Amino acid sequence: MEGRPVFFDDACYYLSFDSERDARLVSAILNSAICRSFLAALVFPESKRPFTVDLLQRLNLGVIAHEAGLGQHWARLQRSNYTIASDSQQIEFVMQQPPHSV
């Protein structure tokens, strides 16, 4: 960043992508109003680390994408059998039939 290396500490959650397009899609899903509202309802902002792994694992990106109007783009990503790598584990987001609510 600005010509300097970036290092993540244990408070960061990192997702890597093979393409900028895929990274931008997941960023749009995570920054959508529906996702932000969901997280705001469950997070304790006063806590030292309000966004825990357990909280983030509750996110169903397929449902959120559908609700945010990004379902077709998410389906394209899923058809490519894309696996999103996390810091210490592999997380494969599986497209599911979206329910009526998040």
Protein backbone atom coordinates (compact mmCIF):
# COMPACT_ATOMS: atom_id res chain seq x y z
CA MET A 1 0.00 0.00 0.00
CA GLU A 2 1.56 3.26 -1.15
CA GLY A 3 4.78 1.36 -1.90
CA ARG A 4 4.99 -0.27 1.52
CA PRO A 5 4.26 -3.87 2.55
CA VAL A 6 1.06 -4.62 4.42
CA PHE A 7 1.01 -7.02 7.35
CA PHE A 8 -2.07 -8.46 9.01
CA ASP A 9 -2.28 -9.28 12.69
CA ASP A 10 -4.47 -11.78 14.48
CA ALA A 11 -7.40 -9.32 14.53
CA CYS A 12 -7.74 -9.38 10.73
CA TYR A 13 -9.72 -11.74 8.54
CA TYR A 14 -8.23 -12.21 5.10
CA LEU A 15 -9.81 -13.51 1.92
CA SER A 16 -7.74 -14.02 -1.21
CA PHE A 17 -8.98 -14.09 -4.79
CA ASP A 18 -7.63 -14.98 -8.20
CA SER A 19 -9.32 -12.00 -9.84
CA GLU A 20 -10.13 -8.44 -8.89
CA ARG A 21 -13.66 -8.96 -10.27
CA ASP A 22 -14.37 -11.72 -7.76
CA ALA A 23 -12.86 -9.69 -4.92
CA ARG A 24 -15.04 -6.72 -5.82
CA LEU A 25 -18.15 -8.91 -5.91
CA VAL A 26 -17.55 -10.33 -2.43
CA SER A 27 -16.70 -6.83 -1.21
CA ALA A 28 -20.01 -5.53 -2.61
CA ILE A 29 -21.89 -8.37 -0.89
CA LEU A 30 -20.17 -7.79 2.46
CA ASN A 31 -20.69 -4.02 2.22
CA SER A 32 -24.33 -4.26 1.10
CA ALA A 33 -27.00 -2.65 3.27
CA ILE A 34 -28.57 -6.05 4.03
CA CYS A 35 -25.25 -7.49 5.27
CA ARG A 36 -24.42 -4.39 7.29
CA SER A 37 -27.87 -4.47 8.90
CA PHE A 38 -27.51 -8.16 9.74
CA LEU A 39 -24.11 -7.60 11.34
CA ALA A 40 -25.29 -4.49 13.21
CA ALA A 41 -28.09 -6.53 14.78
CA LEU A 42 -25.66 -9.14 16.11
CA VAL A 43 -22.51 -7.23 16.96
CA PHE A 44 -21.59 -5.73 20.31
CA PRO A 45 -19.71 -2.55 19.27
CA GLU A 46 -18.30 -2.04 22.79
CA SER A 47 -16.43 -5.33 22.73
CA LYS A 48 -12.70 -5.44 22.00
CA ARG A 49 -13.23 -7.45 18.80
CA PRO A 50 -16.86 -7.12 17.75
CA PHE A 51 -16.50 -9.17 14.55
CA THR A 52 -15.59 -12.71 15.56
CA VAL A 53 -15.04 -15.76 13.39
CA ASP A 54 -18.24 -17.26 14.81
CA LEU A 55 -20.22 -14.19 13.77
CA LEU A 56 -18.71 -14.11 10.27
CA GLN A 57 -19.39 -17.81 9.79
CA ARG A 58 -23.08 -17.09 10.27
CA LEU A 59 -23.10 -15.11 7.02
CA ASN A 60 -24.67 -16.88 4.06
CA LEU A 61 -23.17 -14.96 1.16
CA GLY A 62 -25.53 -16.58 -1.35
CA VAL A 63 -28.61 -15.34 0.50
CA ILE A 64 -27.11 -11.91 1.10
CA ALA A 65 -26.14 -11.63 -2.58
CA HIS A 66 -29.68 -12.57 -3.61
CA GLU A 67 -31.23 -10.02 -1.23
CA ALA A 68 -28.76 -7.33 -2.37
CA GLY A 69 -29.57 -7.90 -6.05
CA LEU A 70 -26.25 -9.61 -6.74
CA GLY A 71 -27.55 -13.18 -6.97
CA GLN A 72 -26.70 -13.68 -10.65
CA HIS A 73 -23.13 -12.54 -10.08
CA TRP A 74 -22.81 -14.82 -7.05
CA ALA A 75 -24.15 -17.76 -9.07
CA ARG A 76 -21.48 -17.10 -11.72
CA LEU A 77 -18.81 -17.18 -9.04
CA GLN A 78 -20.19 -20.44 -7.67
CA ARG A 79 -20.31 -22.06 -11.12
CA SER A 80 -16.58 -21.47 -11.38
CA ASN A 81 -16.15 -23.76 -8.31
CA TYR A 82 -14.25 -20.97 -6.64
CA THR A 83 -12.79 -21.60 -3.21
CA ILE A 84 -12.06 -18.60 -1.04
CA ALA A 85 -8.96 -19.08 1.11
CA SER A 86 -8.98 -17.82 4.67
CA ASP A 87 -5.93 -17.21 6.84
CA SER A 88 -5.66 -20.72 8.26
CA GLN A 89 -8.42 -22.70 6.63
CA GLN A 90 -10.26 -23.20 3.36
CA ILE A 91 -13.79 -21.86 3.32
CA GLU A 92 -15.96 -22.92 0.41
CA PHE A 93 -19.10 -20.85 0.08
CA VAL A 94 -21.84 -23.03 -1.38
CA MET A 95 -24.75 -21.47 -3.22
CA GLN A 96 -27.97 -22.50 -1.55
CA GLN A 97 -31.59 -21.90 -2.43
CA PRO A 98 -32.20 -18.52 -0.78
CA PRO A 99 -34.89 -18.50 1.93
CA HIS A 100 -37.32 -15.61 2.31
CA SER A 101 -35.20 -13.91 4.97
CA VAL A 102 -31.55 -13.59 5.88
